[in-house]
Amino acid sequence: MNTIQKGDFAVVSGVREPWAPFIGHAAIATTDNWILDMPGYKDGVYTQKDNNRQLQKGAWFDKYKSAWTTVYRLKTSKE
């Protein structure tokens, strides 16, 4: 968790909510401390117009602590 960096992608496997028909969930680190995801909308909690949230990385990983999370980091290109 402490090594996530701006631009990293986090992909969660094994999250299966009754209201969520998909098997995984993805997010991107917008800074070294904040993660942006789109949790979807259900029961009016999030609307389609406001289907995003930013959580501090600790809160985001706590939310998905029971799932397997893989972090992907792209190599930077040097031109």
N, C-alpha and C. Protein backbone atom coordinates (compact mmCIF):
# COMPACT_ATOMS: atom_id res chain seq x y z
N MET A 1 0.83 -1.19 0.00
CA MET A 1 0.00 0.00 0.00
C MET A 1 0.87 1.25 0.00
N ASN A 2 1.96 1.25 0.70
CA ASN A 2 2.79 2.45 0.79
C ASN A 2 3.56 2.74 -0.48
N THR A 3 3.58 1.80 -1.41
CA THR A 3 4.37 2.01 -2.61
C THR A 3 3.56 2.47 -3.81
N ILE A 4 2.27 2.69 -3.65
CA ILE A 4 1.49 3.15 -4.80
C ILE A 4 1.93 4.57 -5.16
N GLN A 5 2.02 4.81 -6.47
CA GLN A 5 2.49 6.11 -6.96
C GLN A 5 1.49 6.69 -7.94
N LYS A 6 1.58 7.99 -8.11
CA LYS A 6 0.74 8.68 -9.08
C LYS A 6 0.83 7.98 -10.43
N GLY A 7 -0.33 7.69 -11.02
CA GLY A 7 -0.37 7.04 -12.32
C GLY A 7 -0.53 5.53 -12.26
N ASP A 8 -0.36 4.93 -11.09
CA ASP A 8 -0.53 3.48 -10.96
C ASP A 8 -2.00 3.11 -11.12
N PHE A 9 -2.23 1.93 -11.69
CA PHE A 9 -3.57 1.37 -11.80
C PHE A 9 -3.72 0.26 -10.77
N ALA A 10 -4.82 0.27 -10.04
CA ALA A 10 -5.12 -0.79 -9.08
C ALA A 10 -6.33 -1.56 -9.60
N VAL A 11 -6.18 -2.88 -9.68
CA VAL A 11 -7.26 -3.74 -10.15
C VAL A 11 -7.58 -4.73 -9.04
N VAL A 12 -8.84 -4.76 -8.64
CA VAL A 12 -9.30 -5.61 -7.55
C VAL A 12 -10.02 -6.82 -8.13
N SER A 13 -9.66 -8.01 -7.67
CA SER A 13 -10.34 -9.24 -8.07
C SER A 13 -11.03 -9.84 -6.86
N GLY A 14 -12.06 -10.58 -7.09
CA GLY A 14 -12.74 -11.26 -6.01
C GLY A 14 -13.76 -10.42 -5.28
N VAL A 15 -14.09 -9.25 -5.82
CA VAL A 15 -15.13 -8.42 -5.23
C VAL A 15 -16.42 -8.75 -5.96
N ARG A 16 -17.37 -9.23 -5.25
CA ARG A 16 -18.64 -9.61 -5.88
C ARG A 16 -19.78 -9.16 -4.98
N GLU A 17 -20.33 -8.03 -5.30
CA GLU A 17 -21.49 -7.52 -4.57
C GLU A 17 -22.75 -8.04 -5.27
N PRO A 18 -23.81 -8.26 -4.54
CA PRO A 18 -25.05 -8.74 -5.17
C PRO A 18 -25.56 -7.80 -6.26
N TRP A 19 -25.32 -6.50 -6.11
CA TRP A 19 -25.80 -5.53 -7.07
C TRP A 19 -24.81 -5.29 -8.21
N ALA A 20 -23.61 -5.86 -8.13
CA ALA A 20 -22.58 -5.61 -9.14
C ALA A 20 -22.40 -6.84 -10.02
N PRO A 21 -22.72 -6.73 -11.29
CA PRO A 21 -22.63 -7.90 -12.17
C PRO A 21 -21.21 -8.20 -12.65
N PHE A 22 -20.24 -7.38 -12.29
CA PHE A 22 -18.89 -7.56 -12.80
C PHE A 22 -17.98 -8.19 -11.76
N ILE A 23 -16.91 -8.80 -12.20
CA ILE A 23 -16.02 -9.54 -11.32
C ILE A 23 -14.93 -8.67 -10.72
N GLY A 24 -14.55 -7.59 -11.35
CA GLY A 24 -13.44 -6.79 -10.86
C GLY A 24 -13.78 -5.32 -10.70
N HIS A 25 -12.80 -4.58 -10.22
CA HIS A 25 -12.96 -3.14 -10.01
C HIS A 25 -11.60 -2.51 -10.25
N ALA A 26 -11.55 -1.36 -10.89
CA ALA A 26 -10.28 -0.72 -11.20
C ALA A 26 -10.29 0.73 -10.73
N ALA A 27 -9.08 1.24 -10.48
CA ALA A 27 -8.92 2.62 -10.03
C ALA A 27 -7.55 3.11 -10.47
N ILE A 28 -7.35 4.42 -10.37
CA ILE A 28 -6.05 5.01 -10.71
C ILE A 28 -5.62 5.93 -9.58
N ALA A 29 -4.33 5.91 -9.30
CA ALA A 29 -3.77 6.81 -8.29
C ALA A 29 -3.56 8.18 -8.95
N THR A 30 -4.27 9.18 -8.46
CA THR A 30 -4.14 10.52 -9.02
C THR A 30 -2.96 11.27 -8.41
N THR A 31 -2.56 10.85 -7.21
CA THR A 31 -1.34 11.33 -6.56
C THR A 31 -0.76 10.13 -5.82
N ASP A 32 0.30 10.34 -5.09
CA ASP A 32 0.87 9.25 -4.29
C ASP A 32 -0.02 8.89 -3.10
N ASN A 33 -1.01 9.72 -2.79
CA ASN A 33 -1.86 9.49 -1.62
C ASN A 33 -3.36 9.37 -1.90
N TRP A 34 -3.79 9.65 -3.13
CA TRP A 34 -5.22 9.64 -3.44
C TRP A 34 -5.50 8.70 -4.60
N ILE A 35 -6.64 7.99 -4.50
CA ILE A 35 -7.06 7.04 -5.53
C ILE A 35 -8.44 7.43 -6.04
N LEU A 36 -8.59 7.46 -7.36
CA LEU A 36 -9.86 7.79 -8.01
C LEU A 36 -10.48 6.51 -8.55
N ASP A 37 -11.73 6.28 -8.22
CA ASP A 37 -12.44 5.15 -8.81
C ASP A 37 -13.87 5.56 -9.14
N MET A 38 -14.55 4.69 -9.82
CA MET A 38 -15.95 4.91 -10.19
C MET A 38 -16.74 3.73 -9.66
N PRO A 39 -17.30 3.86 -8.47
CA PRO A 39 -17.92 2.73 -7.80
C PRO A 39 -19.25 2.28 -8.40
N GLY A 40 -19.76 3.01 -9.35
CA GLY A 40 -21.05 2.66 -9.90
C GLY A 40 -22.16 3.32 -9.12
N TYR A 41 -23.36 3.03 -9.49
CA TYR A 41 -24.47 3.62 -8.78
C TYR A 41 -25.48 2.54 -8.44
N LYS A 42 -26.01 2.64 -7.27
CA LYS A 42 -27.05 1.70 -6.81
C LYS A 42 -27.91 2.42 -5.79
N ASP A 43 -29.15 2.15 -5.80
CA ASP A 43 -30.06 2.68 -4.80
C ASP A 43 -29.95 4.20 -4.62
N GLY A 44 -29.51 4.92 -5.64
CA GLY A 44 -29.43 6.37 -5.56
C GLY A 44 -28.26 6.91 -4.76
N VAL A 45 -27.33 6.04 -4.30
CA VAL A 45 -26.18 6.52 -3.54
C VAL A 45 -25.28 7.38 -4.43
N TYR A 46 -24.96 6.88 -5.59
CA TYR A 46 -24.22 7.65 -6.58
C TYR A 46 -25.11 7.74 -7.82
N THR A 47 -25.13 8.88 -8.46
CA THR A 47 -25.89 9.01 -9.69
C THR A 47 -24.97 8.82 -10.87
N GLN A 48 -25.54 8.63 -12.04
CA GLN A 48 -24.73 8.48 -13.24
C GLN A 48 -23.92 9.74 -13.52
N LYS A 49 -24.42 10.89 -13.12
CA LYS A 49 -23.71 12.15 -13.36
C LYS A 49 -22.57 12.35 -12.38
N ASP A 50 -22.61 11.66 -11.26
CA ASP A 50 -21.57 11.82 -10.24
C ASP A 50 -21.08 10.44 -9.81
N ASN A 51 -20.57 9.70 -10.76
CA ASN A 51 -20.16 8.33 -10.51
C ASN A 51 -18.64 8.25 -10.33
N ASN A 52 -18.10 9.04 -9.43
CA ASN A 52 -16.67 8.96 -9.14
C ASN A 52 -16.44 9.39 -7.71
N ARG A 53 -15.31 8.96 -7.18
CA ARG A 53 -14.94 9.38 -5.83
C ARG A 53 -13.42 9.30 -5.72
N GLN A 54 -12.88 10.12 -4.83
CA GLN A 54 -11.46 10.03 -4.51
C GLN A 54 -11.36 9.70 -3.03
N LEU A 55 -10.58 8.68 -2.76
CA LEU A 55 -10.33 8.26 -1.38
C LEU A 55 -8.84 8.30 -1.13
N GLN A 56 -8.46 8.56 0.11
CA GLN A 56 -7.05 8.43 0.45
C GLN A 56 -6.68 6.96 0.30
N LYS A 57 -5.43 6.71 -0.07
CA LYS A 57 -5.04 5.34 -0.41
C LYS A 57 -5.32 4.36 0.73
N GLY A 58 -5.12 4.76 1.97
CA GLY A 58 -5.39 3.86 3.09
C GLY A 58 -6.85 3.48 3.18
N ALA A 59 -7.73 4.45 2.97
CA ALA A 59 -9.18 4.19 3.02
C ALA A 59 -9.60 3.29 1.86
N TRP A 60 -9.01 3.52 0.69
CA TRP A 60 -9.36 2.70 -0.47
C TRP A 60 -8.93 1.26 -0.27
N PHE A 61 -7.69 1.05 0.18
CA PHE A 61 -7.22 -0.31 0.41
C PHE A 61 -7.97 -0.98 1.56
N ASP A 62 -8.35 -0.22 2.58
CA ASP A 62 -9.17 -0.78 3.66
C ASP A 62 -10.52 -1.26 3.13
N LYS A 63 -11.09 -0.50 2.22
CA LYS A 63 -12.40 -0.87 1.66
C LYS A 63 -12.32 -2.20 0.92
N TYR A 64 -11.21 -2.46 0.26
CA TYR A 64 -11.06 -3.68 -0.54
C TYR A 64 -10.07 -4.66 0.09
N LYS A 65 -9.88 -4.61 1.39
CA LYS A 65 -8.87 -5.45 2.05
C LYS A 65 -9.16 -6.94 1.96
N SER A 66 -10.39 -7.33 1.75
CA SER A 66 -10.71 -8.75 1.66
C SER A 66 -10.51 -9.28 0.24
N ALA A 67 -10.16 -8.42 -0.69
CA ALA A 67 -9.99 -8.81 -2.09
C ALA A 67 -8.51 -8.83 -2.47
N TRP A 68 -8.23 -9.49 -3.55
CA TRP A 68 -6.88 -9.53 -4.11
C TRP A 68 -6.70 -8.30 -4.99
N THR A 69 -5.71 -7.47 -4.68
CA THR A 69 -5.47 -6.25 -5.44
C THR A 69 -4.12 -6.32 -6.13
N THR A 70 -4.11 -6.02 -7.42
CA THR A 70 -2.88 -5.96 -8.20
C THR A 70 -2.66 -4.52 -8.63
N VAL A 71 -1.44 -4.03 -8.44
CA VAL A 71 -1.10 -2.67 -8.85
C VAL A 71 -0.21 -2.75 -10.08
N TYR A 72 -0.59 -2.02 -11.11
CA TYR A 72 0.17 -1.98 -12.36
C TYR A 72 0.82 -0.61 -12.48
N ARG A 73 2.08 -0.61 -12.87
CA ARG A 73 2.82 0.64 -13.07
C ARG A 73 3.42 0.61 -14.47
N LEU A 74 3.13 1.63 -15.25
CA LEU A 74 3.68 1.73 -16.59
C LEU A 74 5.08 2.31 -16.52
N LYS A 75 5.94 1.83 -17.39
CA LYS A 75 7.28 2.40 -17.46
C LYS A 75 7.20 3.79 -18.06
N THR A 76 8.04 4.67 -17.57
CA THR A 76 8.09 6.00 -18.16
C THR A 76 8.99 5.96 -19.38
N SER A 77 8.61 6.68 -20.40
CA SER A 77 9.44 6.71 -21.61
C SER A 77 10.37 7.90 -21.54
N LYS A 78 11.58 7.69 -21.98
CA LYS A 78 12.57 8.77 -22.02
C LYS A 78 12.89 9.04 -23.47
N GLU A 79 12.48 10.21 -23.91
CA GLU A 79 12.71 10.57 -25.32
C GLU A 79 13.82 11.57 -25.44
